[in-house]
Amino acid sequence: MTFYKYPKEFMLKLIHFYLMGDYSFEKLARQYKIHQSTLKEWVRKYEAFGEAVFHFNFSPRCYTREQKIQAVEDYLSGEYSLLELMKKHQISGRTILMKWVKKYTSHCDIKDSGKGLSKTMTKGRKTTLLERMEIVDFCLKHHKNYQLAAQTYQVSYQQVYQWVKKFELHGEEGLQDRRGRTKSEAELTTECPL
C-alpha cells in the first residue's frame, strides 16, 4: 500500500498533460514545483498499472522466483534503463527491484512473493497425515514458499511452517498427529519393590 502526499486527481492531471505531449517533464516539474524524477515515476506507474495504482488500497502484483530473477538479470545486463525495465516487468517501485538485485548479488535465496498474510488463514484446520505430506511436498517443491502453500491448501502459514520443520527433522514420522495419544501400557508399567 502506497501513500502519496499529492491528491490522486492532481497526479493524474499532470500525467495526462505529459502523455498528451503538450508538456515535457521539465516544464511540468518547474511549473508545479515537483521533482522531475517524481513525475517520471508517476507516469511509469500509470503506464504499467493504470489509474488503480494511485488508489489507497492498491496492491502490486505478486512475482514468481523466475520473474524476479529475469528482472534482475535484465537489470545486470545493462540493456535497459531503469524505467524501461520497471515497465517491462511491471514492477511498482525502484526499491523493490533493488532489493531483488541485492539478494541476487549476495547469493541469497530469491523466493516467490505472496499477497500478504491477510489473505491466508490465520487459524489452522484439521488435516490428515496424507494432506500434511502433500502440503509439505508442495512447499518444498516451491522453494519453501510457506505463504503459497498455505493459500493453496487453505491452512495457516504457521501450520505449514511447523510441518516442514518437523518433516526436515524427523521425516514422515514428524508429521504424525500425536495429540490425544496415551502412553503405551509398557511405558505406564513400573516395577514396585515389595
N, C-alpha and C. Protein backbone atom coordinates (compact mmCIF):
# COMPACT_ATOMS: atom_id res chain seq x y z
N MET A 1 0.84 -1.17 0.00
CA MET A 1 0.00 0.00 0.00
C MET A 1 0.89 1.24 0.00
N THR A 2 0.64 2.17 -0.92
CA THR A 2 1.46 3.36 -1.03
C THR A 2 0.66 4.59 -0.64
N PHE A 3 1.30 5.48 0.08
CA PHE A 3 0.65 6.73 0.45
C PHE A 3 1.32 7.85 -0.34
N TYR A 4 0.52 8.69 -0.96
CA TYR A 4 1.05 9.81 -1.75
C TYR A 4 0.72 11.11 -1.04
N LYS A 5 1.65 12.04 -1.11
CA LYS A 5 1.38 13.32 -0.44
C LYS A 5 0.58 14.27 -1.33
N TYR A 6 0.36 13.88 -2.59
CA TYR A 6 -0.44 14.68 -3.51
C TYR A 6 -1.77 13.98 -3.76
N PRO A 7 -2.83 14.74 -4.00
CA PRO A 7 -4.12 14.12 -4.33
C PRO A 7 -4.04 13.35 -5.65
N LYS A 8 -4.78 12.28 -5.72
CA LYS A 8 -4.78 11.44 -6.92
C LYS A 8 -5.15 12.25 -8.16
N GLU A 9 -6.14 13.11 -8.05
CA GLU A 9 -6.60 13.90 -9.20
C GLU A 9 -5.48 14.79 -9.74
N PHE A 10 -4.69 15.35 -8.83
CA PHE A 10 -3.57 16.20 -9.22
C PHE A 10 -2.52 15.39 -9.99
N MET A 11 -2.18 14.22 -9.47
CA MET A 11 -1.19 13.37 -10.13
C MET A 11 -1.67 12.96 -11.52
N LEU A 12 -2.94 12.56 -11.61
CA LEU A 12 -3.48 12.13 -12.90
C LEU A 12 -3.51 13.28 -13.91
N LYS A 13 -3.81 14.48 -13.44
CA LYS A 13 -3.84 15.66 -14.33
C LYS A 13 -2.45 15.87 -14.95
N LEU A 14 -1.40 15.83 -14.13
CA LEU A 14 -0.04 16.03 -14.64
C LEU A 14 0.38 14.90 -15.57
N ILE A 15 -0.02 13.69 -15.24
CA ILE A 15 0.30 12.54 -16.10
C ILE A 15 -0.34 12.74 -17.47
N HIS A 16 -1.60 13.13 -17.49
CA HIS A 16 -2.30 13.33 -18.77
C HIS A 16 -1.70 14.48 -19.56
N PHE A 17 -1.30 15.55 -18.89
CA PHE A 17 -0.63 16.65 -19.59
C PHE A 17 0.62 16.13 -20.31
N TYR A 18 1.38 15.31 -19.60
CA TYR A 18 2.61 14.79 -20.20
C TYR A 18 2.29 13.84 -21.36
N LEU A 19 1.36 12.91 -21.15
CA LEU A 19 1.05 11.91 -22.16
C LEU A 19 0.40 12.51 -23.42
N MET A 20 -0.28 13.63 -23.27
CA MET A 20 -0.88 14.32 -24.43
C MET A 20 0.20 14.97 -25.29
N GLY A 21 1.41 15.10 -24.74
CA GLY A 21 2.51 15.68 -25.50
C GLY A 21 2.59 17.19 -25.43
N ASP A 22 1.74 17.80 -24.63
CA ASP A 22 1.74 19.27 -24.53
C ASP A 22 2.87 19.79 -23.65
N TYR A 23 3.32 18.99 -22.71
CA TYR A 23 4.33 19.43 -21.75
C TYR A 23 5.43 18.39 -21.62
N SER A 24 6.62 18.85 -21.36
CA SER A 24 7.74 17.95 -21.07
C SER A 24 7.79 17.73 -19.56
N PHE A 25 8.57 16.73 -19.12
CA PHE A 25 8.76 16.50 -17.68
C PHE A 25 9.33 17.76 -17.03
N GLU A 26 10.30 18.35 -17.73
CA GLU A 26 10.99 19.53 -17.19
C GLU A 26 10.01 20.69 -16.98
N LYS A 27 9.17 20.95 -18.00
CA LYS A 27 8.24 22.07 -17.91
C LYS A 27 7.19 21.85 -16.81
N LEU A 28 6.65 20.63 -16.74
CA LEU A 28 5.66 20.32 -15.70
C LEU A 28 6.28 20.40 -14.31
N ALA A 29 7.48 19.87 -14.18
CA ALA A 29 8.15 19.88 -12.88
C ALA A 29 8.39 21.32 -12.41
N ARG A 30 8.83 22.16 -13.32
CA ARG A 30 9.09 23.57 -12.97
C ARG A 30 7.79 24.29 -12.62
N GLN A 31 6.77 24.10 -13.45
CA GLN A 31 5.51 24.81 -13.25
C GLN A 31 4.80 24.41 -11.96
N TYR A 32 4.85 23.11 -11.62
CA TYR A 32 4.11 22.63 -10.45
C TYR A 32 5.02 22.35 -9.24
N LYS A 33 6.29 22.73 -9.37
CA LYS A 33 7.27 22.59 -8.28
C LYS A 33 7.35 21.16 -7.74
N ILE A 34 7.55 20.26 -8.69
CA ILE A 34 7.70 18.83 -8.38
C ILE A 34 8.99 18.37 -9.03
N HIS A 35 9.68 17.48 -8.37
CA HIS A 35 10.92 16.95 -8.94
C HIS A 35 10.59 16.12 -10.17
N GLN A 36 11.40 16.24 -11.21
CA GLN A 36 11.18 15.50 -12.46
C GLN A 36 11.11 14.00 -12.25
N SER A 37 11.99 13.48 -11.39
CA SER A 37 12.01 12.02 -11.17
C SER A 37 10.71 11.54 -10.54
N THR A 38 10.08 12.39 -9.71
CA THR A 38 8.79 12.03 -9.11
C THR A 38 7.73 11.91 -10.20
N LEU A 39 7.71 12.88 -11.08
CA LEU A 39 6.75 12.88 -12.17
C LEU A 39 6.97 11.69 -13.11
N LYS A 40 8.23 11.40 -13.41
CA LYS A 40 8.55 10.24 -14.26
C LYS A 40 8.07 8.95 -13.62
N GLU A 41 8.23 8.85 -12.30
CA GLU A 41 7.79 7.67 -11.56
C GLU A 41 6.27 7.53 -11.65
N TRP A 42 5.55 8.63 -11.52
CA TRP A 42 4.09 8.58 -11.62
C TRP A 42 3.66 8.09 -13.00
N VAL A 43 4.31 8.61 -14.03
CA VAL A 43 3.96 8.22 -15.40
C VAL A 43 4.26 6.74 -15.61
N ARG A 44 5.42 6.30 -15.16
CA ARG A 44 5.79 4.90 -15.31
C ARG A 44 4.79 3.98 -14.61
N LYS A 45 4.41 4.33 -13.38
CA LYS A 45 3.44 3.52 -12.63
C LYS A 45 2.09 3.51 -13.34
N TYR A 46 1.69 4.67 -13.83
CA TYR A 46 0.41 4.78 -14.53
C TYR A 46 0.41 3.91 -15.79
N GLU A 47 1.50 3.94 -16.55
CA GLU A 47 1.59 3.13 -17.77
C GLU A 47 1.62 1.64 -17.47
N ALA A 48 2.21 1.27 -16.35
CA ALA A 48 2.31 -0.15 -16.01
C ALA A 48 1.03 -0.69 -15.39
N PHE A 49 0.38 0.10 -14.52
CA PHE A 49 -0.75 -0.41 -13.74
C PHE A 49 -2.06 0.32 -13.94
N GLY A 50 -2.03 1.45 -14.65
CA GLY A 50 -3.25 2.22 -14.84
C GLY A 50 -3.56 3.10 -13.63
N GLU A 51 -4.73 3.69 -13.66
CA GLU A 51 -5.15 4.63 -12.63
C GLU A 51 -5.22 3.97 -11.24
N ALA A 52 -5.48 2.68 -11.20
CA ALA A 52 -5.64 1.96 -9.93
C ALA A 52 -4.41 2.07 -9.03
N VAL A 53 -3.23 2.29 -9.63
CA VAL A 53 -2.00 2.36 -8.85
C VAL A 53 -2.04 3.49 -7.83
N PHE A 54 -2.87 4.49 -8.07
CA PHE A 54 -2.94 5.64 -7.16
C PHE A 54 -4.07 5.51 -6.13
N HIS A 55 -4.78 4.41 -6.16
CA HIS A 55 -5.83 4.19 -5.16
C HIS A 55 -5.18 3.77 -3.85
N PHE A 56 -5.81 4.13 -2.77
CA PHE A 56 -5.30 3.88 -1.43
C PHE A 56 -5.01 2.39 -1.19
N ASN A 57 -5.89 1.51 -1.66
CA ASN A 57 -5.75 0.08 -1.36
C ASN A 57 -5.11 -0.71 -2.50
N PHE A 58 -4.38 -0.03 -3.40
CA PHE A 58 -3.72 -0.73 -4.50
C PHE A 58 -2.68 -1.69 -3.96
N SER A 59 -2.70 -2.91 -4.46
CA SER A 59 -1.72 -3.91 -4.06
C SER A 59 -0.99 -4.38 -5.30
N PRO A 60 0.33 -4.17 -5.35
CA PRO A 60 1.06 -4.59 -6.54
C PRO A 60 1.00 -6.10 -6.74
N ARG A 61 1.26 -6.52 -7.94
CA ARG A 61 1.17 -7.94 -8.26
C ARG A 61 2.24 -8.76 -7.56
N CYS A 62 2.01 -10.05 -7.52
CA CYS A 62 3.00 -10.98 -6.97
C CYS A 62 3.93 -11.41 -8.09
N TYR A 63 5.13 -11.78 -7.74
CA TYR A 63 6.11 -12.21 -8.73
C TYR A 63 6.63 -13.59 -8.37
N THR A 64 6.80 -14.42 -9.38
CA THR A 64 7.41 -15.73 -9.13
C THR A 64 8.92 -15.54 -8.99
N ARG A 65 9.56 -16.54 -8.47
CA ARG A 65 11.02 -16.53 -8.33
C ARG A 65 11.67 -16.29 -9.70
N GLU A 66 11.14 -16.97 -10.72
CA GLU A 66 11.69 -16.86 -12.07
C GLU A 66 11.54 -15.45 -12.63
N GLN A 67 10.39 -14.81 -12.37
CA GLN A 67 10.17 -13.44 -12.85
C GLN A 67 11.15 -12.48 -12.18
N LYS A 68 11.38 -12.68 -10.89
CA LYS A 68 12.32 -11.81 -10.17
C LYS A 68 13.73 -11.96 -10.74
N ILE A 69 14.14 -13.21 -10.94
CA ILE A 69 15.48 -13.47 -11.46
C ILE A 69 15.64 -12.89 -12.86
N GLN A 70 14.60 -13.02 -13.70
CA GLN A 70 14.66 -12.47 -15.06
C GLN A 70 14.80 -10.95 -15.01
N ALA A 71 14.06 -10.31 -14.11
CA ALA A 71 14.15 -8.85 -13.98
C ALA A 71 15.54 -8.43 -13.53
N VAL A 72 16.11 -9.16 -12.58
CA VAL A 72 17.45 -8.85 -12.08
C VAL A 72 18.49 -9.06 -13.18
N GLU A 73 18.37 -10.16 -13.91
CA GLU A 73 19.33 -10.43 -14.99
C GLU A 73 19.24 -9.37 -16.08
N ASP A 74 18.02 -8.92 -16.38
CA ASP A 74 17.85 -7.83 -17.36
C ASP A 74 18.52 -6.56 -16.83
N TYR A 75 18.36 -6.29 -15.54
CA TYR A 75 18.97 -5.10 -14.93
C TYR A 75 20.50 -5.19 -15.03
N LEU A 76 21.05 -6.34 -14.69
CA LEU A 76 22.50 -6.52 -14.70
C LEU A 76 23.09 -6.52 -16.11
N SER A 77 22.26 -6.84 -17.11
CA SER A 77 22.74 -6.85 -18.49
C SER A 77 23.08 -5.45 -18.98
N GLY A 78 22.44 -4.44 -18.40
CA GLY A 78 22.69 -3.07 -18.81
C GLY A 78 21.99 -2.67 -20.11
N GLU A 79 21.14 -3.54 -20.63
CA GLU A 79 20.46 -3.26 -21.90
C GLU A 79 19.26 -2.35 -21.76
N TYR A 80 18.78 -2.16 -20.54
CA TYR A 80 17.56 -1.37 -20.33
C TYR A 80 17.83 -0.25 -19.34
N SER A 81 17.09 0.84 -19.51
CA SER A 81 17.12 1.88 -18.48
C SER A 81 16.26 1.36 -17.34
N LEU A 82 16.40 1.96 -16.20
CA LEU A 82 15.63 1.55 -15.03
C LEU A 82 14.12 1.66 -15.30
N LEU A 83 13.72 2.75 -15.94
CA LEU A 83 12.30 2.94 -16.25
C LEU A 83 11.79 1.89 -17.24
N GLU A 84 12.59 1.59 -18.27
CA GLU A 84 12.20 0.57 -19.25
C GLU A 84 12.04 -0.79 -18.57
N LEU A 85 12.97 -1.08 -17.71
CA LEU A 85 12.97 -2.36 -17.02
C LEU A 85 11.76 -2.50 -16.10
N MET A 86 11.45 -1.45 -15.36
CA MET A 86 10.32 -1.49 -14.45
C MET A 86 9.00 -1.60 -15.20
N LYS A 87 8.94 -0.97 -16.37
CA LYS A 87 7.74 -1.06 -17.19
C LYS A 87 7.63 -2.47 -17.79
N LYS A 88 8.73 -2.98 -18.30
CA LYS A 88 8.74 -4.31 -18.92
C LYS A 88 8.27 -5.39 -17.96
N HIS A 89 8.73 -5.33 -16.72
CA HIS A 89 8.40 -6.36 -15.73
C HIS A 89 7.27 -5.96 -14.79
N GLN A 90 6.64 -4.81 -15.05
CA GLN A 90 5.54 -4.29 -14.23
C GLN A 90 5.91 -4.27 -12.75
N ILE A 91 7.03 -3.65 -12.45
CA ILE A 91 7.50 -3.51 -11.08
C ILE A 91 7.04 -2.15 -10.58
N SER A 92 6.38 -2.13 -9.44
CA SER A 92 5.74 -0.89 -8.98
C SER A 92 6.69 0.12 -8.35
N GLY A 93 7.88 -0.29 -7.99
CA GLY A 93 8.81 0.67 -7.38
C GLY A 93 10.26 0.26 -7.54
N ARG A 94 11.12 1.26 -7.62
CA ARG A 94 12.56 1.05 -7.78
C ARG A 94 13.14 0.23 -6.63
N THR A 95 12.66 0.51 -5.41
CA THR A 95 13.22 -0.18 -4.24
C THR A 95 12.95 -1.68 -4.27
N ILE A 96 11.82 -2.07 -4.85
CA ILE A 96 11.50 -3.50 -4.97
C ILE A 96 12.56 -4.18 -5.82
N LEU A 97 12.83 -3.61 -6.99
CA LEU A 97 13.84 -4.18 -7.89
C LEU A 97 15.21 -4.21 -7.23
N MET A 98 15.58 -3.13 -6.56
CA MET A 98 16.92 -3.07 -5.95
C MET A 98 17.07 -4.10 -4.82
N LYS A 99 15.97 -4.40 -4.14
CA LYS A 99 16.02 -5.43 -3.10
C LYS A 99 16.31 -6.80 -3.73
N TRP A 100 15.67 -7.07 -4.87
CA TRP A 100 15.93 -8.32 -5.58
C TRP A 100 17.37 -8.39 -6.06
N VAL A 101 17.88 -7.28 -6.59
CA VAL A 101 19.26 -7.23 -7.08
C VAL A 101 20.23 -7.52 -5.94
N LYS A 102 19.98 -6.92 -4.79
CA LYS A 102 20.86 -7.12 -3.64
C LYS A 102 20.87 -8.59 -3.20
N LYS A 103 19.68 -9.20 -3.14
CA LYS A 103 19.59 -10.62 -2.77
C LYS A 103 20.34 -11.48 -3.78
N TYR A 104 20.11 -11.21 -5.05
CA TYR A 104 20.70 -11.99 -6.12
C TYR A 104 22.23 -11.90 -6.09
N THR A 105 22.75 -10.69 -5.97
CA THR A 105 24.20 -10.50 -5.99
C THR A 105 24.86 -10.93 -4.69
N SER A 106 24.08 -11.08 -3.63
CA SER A 106 24.60 -11.58 -2.35
C SER A 106 24.45 -13.09 -2.25
N HIS A 107 23.94 -13.71 -3.33
CA HIS A 107 23.72 -15.15 -3.41
C HIS A 107 22.72 -15.64 -2.35
N CYS A 108 21.75 -14.77 -2.01
CA CYS A 108 20.66 -15.16 -1.11
C CYS A 108 19.55 -15.79 -1.94
N ASP A 109 18.74 -16.60 -1.30
CA ASP A 109 17.65 -17.27 -1.99
C ASP A 109 16.55 -16.26 -2.33
N ILE A 110 16.14 -16.25 -3.58
CA ILE A 110 15.03 -15.41 -4.02
C ILE A 110 13.80 -16.31 -4.10
N LYS A 111 12.72 -15.88 -3.44
CA LYS A 111 11.51 -16.70 -3.37
C LYS A 111 10.34 -16.01 -4.06
N ASP A 112 9.30 -16.80 -4.36
CA ASP A 112 8.06 -16.23 -4.89
C ASP A 112 7.52 -15.25 -3.85
N SER A 113 6.86 -14.20 -4.33
CA SER A 113 6.24 -13.28 -3.38
C SER A 113 4.79 -13.66 -3.19
N GLY A 114 4.28 -13.40 -2.00
CA GLY A 114 2.89 -13.68 -1.68
C GLY A 114 2.10 -12.40 -1.66
N LYS A 115 0.81 -12.54 -1.53
CA LYS A 115 -0.05 -11.37 -1.47
C LYS A 115 -0.14 -10.82 -0.06
N GLY A 116 0.48 -11.47 0.89
CA GLY A 116 0.38 -10.98 2.27
C GLY A 116 -0.38 -11.95 3.13
N LEU A 117 -0.04 -12.00 4.38
CA LEU A 117 -0.64 -12.95 5.30
C LEU A 117 -2.13 -12.73 5.51
N SER A 118 -2.61 -11.56 5.23
CA SER A 118 -4.01 -11.27 5.49
C SER A 118 -4.95 -12.16 4.68
N LYS A 119 -4.49 -12.65 3.52
CA LYS A 119 -5.35 -13.48 2.69
C LYS A 119 -5.22 -14.96 3.05
N THR A 120 -4.30 -15.29 3.90
CA THR A 120 -4.10 -16.67 4.31
C THR A 120 -4.86 -16.92 5.58
N MET A 121 -5.30 -18.13 5.76
CA MET A 121 -5.98 -18.47 7.01
C MET A 121 -5.04 -18.21 8.18
N THR A 122 -5.54 -17.54 9.19
CA THR A 122 -4.71 -17.32 10.37
C THR A 122 -5.00 -18.40 11.40
N LYS A 123 -6.14 -19.07 11.25
CA LYS A 123 -6.49 -20.17 12.13
C LYS A 123 -6.28 -21.46 11.36
N GLY A 124 -5.68 -22.43 12.00
CA GLY A 124 -5.43 -23.69 11.32
C GLY A 124 -6.69 -24.51 11.15
N ARG A 125 -6.57 -25.62 10.44
CA ARG A 125 -7.68 -26.56 10.31
C ARG A 125 -7.13 -27.96 10.45
N LYS A 126 -8.00 -28.90 10.75
CA LYS A 126 -7.58 -30.29 10.91
C LYS A 126 -7.19 -30.85 9.55
N THR A 127 -6.16 -31.67 9.55
CA THR A 127 -5.69 -32.29 8.31
C THR A 127 -5.34 -33.75 8.58
N THR A 128 -5.33 -34.53 7.52
CA THR A 128 -4.90 -35.93 7.64
C THR A 128 -3.39 -35.99 7.40
N LEU A 129 -2.80 -37.11 7.74
CA LEU A 129 -1.38 -37.32 7.50
C LEU A 129 -1.07 -37.18 6.01
N LEU A 130 -1.95 -37.73 5.16
CA LEU A 130 -1.76 -37.66 3.71
C LEU A 130 -1.76 -36.20 3.23
N GLU A 131 -2.69 -35.39 3.77
CA GLU A 131 -2.74 -33.98 3.40
C GLU A 131 -1.46 -33.26 3.82
N ARG A 132 -1.01 -33.52 5.05
CA ARG A 132 0.20 -32.86 5.55
C ARG A 132 1.41 -33.22 4.68
N MET A 133 1.50 -34.49 4.28
CA MET A 133 2.61 -34.91 3.41
C MET A 133 2.54 -34.18 2.06
N GLU A 134 1.34 -34.07 1.52
CA GLU A 134 1.15 -33.39 0.23
C GLU A 134 1.52 -31.91 0.34
N ILE A 135 1.10 -31.28 1.43
CA ILE A 135 1.37 -29.85 1.64
C ILE A 135 2.86 -29.60 1.79
N VAL A 136 3.53 -30.44 2.58
CA VAL A 136 4.98 -30.29 2.77
C VAL A 136 5.71 -30.50 1.44
N ASP A 137 5.30 -31.50 0.69
CA ASP A 137 5.92 -31.76 -0.62
C ASP A 137 5.75 -30.55 -1.54
N PHE A 138 4.54 -30.00 -1.58
CA PHE A 138 4.25 -28.82 -2.40
C PHE A 138 5.14 -27.65 -1.97
N CYS A 139 5.23 -27.42 -0.66
CA CYS A 139 6.00 -26.30 -0.14
C CYS A 139 7.49 -26.45 -0.49
N LEU A 140 8.03 -27.63 -0.34
CA LEU A 140 9.44 -27.86 -0.65
C LEU A 140 9.71 -27.72 -2.15
N LYS A 141 8.77 -28.16 -2.97
CA LYS A 141 8.94 -28.04 -4.42
C LYS A 141 8.87 -26.58 -4.88
N HIS A 142 8.27 -25.73 -4.04
CA HIS A 142 8.15 -24.31 -4.36
C HIS A 142 9.10 -23.47 -3.50
N HIS A 143 10.28 -24.01 -3.26
CA HIS A 143 11.36 -23.29 -2.56
C HIS A 143 10.94 -22.77 -1.19
N LYS A 144 10.22 -23.59 -0.45
CA LYS A 144 9.75 -23.25 0.90
C LYS A 144 8.91 -21.98 0.92
N ASN A 145 8.04 -21.87 -0.05
CA ASN A 145 7.11 -20.73 -0.07
C ASN A 145 5.91 -21.11 0.80
N TYR A 146 6.05 -20.86 2.10
CA TYR A 146 5.02 -21.23 3.07
C TYR A 146 3.71 -20.52 2.76
N GLN A 147 3.82 -19.28 2.35
CA GLN A 147 2.64 -18.47 2.04
C GLN A 147 1.82 -19.10 0.92
N LEU A 148 2.49 -19.47 -0.16
CA LEU A 148 1.80 -20.07 -1.30
C LEU A 148 1.14 -21.39 -0.90
N ALA A 149 1.85 -22.20 -0.14
CA ALA A 149 1.30 -23.49 0.30
C ALA A 149 0.08 -23.28 1.19
N ALA A 150 0.16 -22.31 2.09
CA ALA A 150 -0.96 -22.02 3.00
C ALA A 150 -2.18 -21.58 2.21
N GLN A 151 -1.97 -20.73 1.20
CA GLN A 151 -3.09 -20.26 0.39
C GLN A 151 -3.66 -21.39 -0.46
N THR A 152 -2.80 -22.18 -1.05
CA THR A 152 -3.23 -23.25 -1.94
C THR A 152 -4.06 -24.29 -1.22
N TYR A 153 -3.65 -24.66 -0.01
CA TYR A 153 -4.31 -25.74 0.73
C TYR A 153 -5.23 -25.25 1.84
N GLN A 154 -5.43 -23.92 1.94
CA GLN A 154 -6.34 -23.33 2.92
C GLN A 154 -6.04 -23.80 4.35
N VAL A 155 -4.77 -23.69 4.71
CA VAL A 155 -4.32 -23.93 6.08
C VAL A 155 -3.57 -22.69 6.53
N SER A 156 -3.16 -22.66 7.79
CA SER A 156 -2.45 -21.47 8.25
C SER A 156 -0.97 -21.52 7.87
N TYR A 157 -0.39 -20.36 7.75
CA TYR A 157 1.04 -20.23 7.47
C TYR A 157 1.84 -20.99 8.53
N GLN A 158 1.45 -20.81 9.79
CA GLN A 158 2.17 -21.44 10.91
C GLN A 158 2.13 -22.96 10.81
N GLN A 159 0.98 -23.52 10.42
CA GLN A 159 0.89 -24.97 10.26
C GLN A 159 1.90 -25.45 9.22
N VAL A 160 1.93 -24.80 8.07
CA VAL A 160 2.85 -25.21 7.00
C VAL A 160 4.29 -25.12 7.50
N TYR A 161 4.61 -24.02 8.13
CA TYR A 161 5.98 -23.82 8.63
C TYR A 161 6.37 -24.95 9.59
N GLN A 162 5.49 -25.25 10.55
CA GLN A 162 5.78 -26.30 11.54
C GLN A 162 5.91 -27.68 10.88
N TRP A 163 5.03 -28.00 9.94
CA TRP A 163 5.09 -29.29 9.28
C TRP A 163 6.39 -29.47 8.50
N VAL A 164 6.82 -28.43 7.81
CA VAL A 164 8.07 -28.51 7.05
C VAL A 164 9.24 -28.73 8.00
N LYS A 165 9.28 -27.99 9.09
CA LYS A 165 10.37 -28.15 10.07
C LYS A 165 10.38 -29.55 10.66
N LYS A 166 9.20 -30.05 11.05
CA LYS A 166 9.11 -31.41 11.62
C LYS A 166 9.52 -32.46 10.60
N PHE A 167 9.11 -32.25 9.34
CA PHE A 167 9.47 -33.20 8.29
C PHE A 167 10.98 -33.22 8.07
N GLU A 168 11.60 -32.03 8.09
CA GLU A 168 13.05 -31.95 7.90
C GLU A 168 13.80 -32.63 9.03
N LEU A 169 13.26 -32.55 10.24
CA LEU A 169 13.93 -33.18 11.40
C LEU A 169 13.66 -34.67 11.53
N HIS A 170 12.39 -35.08 11.29
CA HIS A 170 12.00 -36.46 11.59
C HIS A 170 11.38 -37.22 10.43
N GLY A 171 11.36 -36.64 9.25
CA GLY A 171 10.75 -37.30 8.11
C GLY A 171 9.25 -37.44 8.27
N GLU A 172 8.69 -38.45 7.63
CA GLU A 172 7.24 -38.67 7.67
C GLU A 172 6.74 -38.86 9.11
N GLU A 173 7.55 -39.46 9.94
CA GLU A 173 7.20 -39.68 11.36
C GLU A 173 6.89 -38.35 12.06
N GLY A 174 7.57 -37.30 11.68
CA GLY A 174 7.35 -35.99 12.30
C GLY A 174 6.00 -35.39 11.98
N LEU A 175 5.34 -35.92 10.94
CA LEU A 175 4.04 -35.38 10.54
C LEU A 175 2.87 -36.11 11.19
N GLN A 176 3.17 -37.14 11.97
CA GLN A 176 2.12 -37.86 12.69
C GLN A 176 1.46 -36.94 13.71
N ASP A 177 0.15 -37.04 13.84
CA ASP A 177 -0.58 -36.23 14.83
C ASP A 177 -0.57 -36.98 16.15
N ARG A 178 0.15 -36.46 17.11
CA ARG A 178 0.31 -37.15 18.40
C ARG A 178 -0.65 -36.62 19.47
N ARG A 179 -1.49 -35.66 19.12
CA ARG A 179 -2.39 -35.10 20.13
C ARG A 179 -3.39 -36.15 20.58
N GLY A 180 -3.63 -36.22 21.90
CA GLY A 180 -4.63 -37.12 22.45
C GLY A 180 -4.17 -38.56 22.57
N ARG A 181 -2.94 -38.85 22.20
CA ARG A 181 -2.42 -40.22 22.31
C ARG A 181 -2.04 -40.49 23.76
N THR A 182 -2.32 -41.70 24.21
CA THR A 182 -1.91 -42.07 25.57
C THR A 182 -0.65 -42.91 25.49
N LYS A 183 0.07 -42.94 26.55
CA LYS A 183 1.29 -43.75 26.58
C LYS A 183 0.91 -45.22 26.53
N SER A 184 1.78 -46.03 25.99
CA SER A 184 1.51 -47.46 25.90
C SER A 184 1.58 -48.07 27.30
N GLU A 185 1.00 -49.27 27.42
CA GLU A 185 0.99 -49.94 28.73
C GLU A 185 2.40 -50.17 29.23
N ALA A 186 3.31 -50.49 28.33
CA ALA A 186 4.70 -50.74 28.73
C ALA A 186 5.32 -49.49 29.35
N GLU A 187 4.96 -48.30 28.81
CA GLU A 187 5.50 -47.06 29.36
C GLU A 187 4.89 -46.74 30.72
N LEU A 188 3.65 -47.21 30.95
CA LEU A 188 2.96 -46.92 32.21
C LEU A 188 3.34 -47.88 33.33
N THR A 189 3.74 -49.09 32.96
CA THR A 189 4.06 -50.10 33.97
C THR A 189 5.41 -49.80 34.60
N THR A 190 5.43 -49.70 35.88
CA THR A 190 6.70 -49.54 36.59
C THR A 190 6.79 -50.63 37.63
N GLU A 191 7.97 -51.05 37.87
CA GLU A 191 8.15 -52.10 38.88
C GLU A 191 8.16 -51.50 40.26
N CYS A 192 7.35 -52.05 41.16
CA CYS A 192 7.33 -51.58 42.54
C CYS A 192 8.01 -52.60 43.42
N PRO A 193 8.93 -52.17 44.21
CA PRO A 193 9.54 -53.14 45.14
C PRO A 193 8.54 -53.55 46.19
N LEU A 194 8.44 -54.82 46.50
CA LEU A 194 7.52 -55.31 47.53
C LEU A 194 8.11 -55.25 48.89
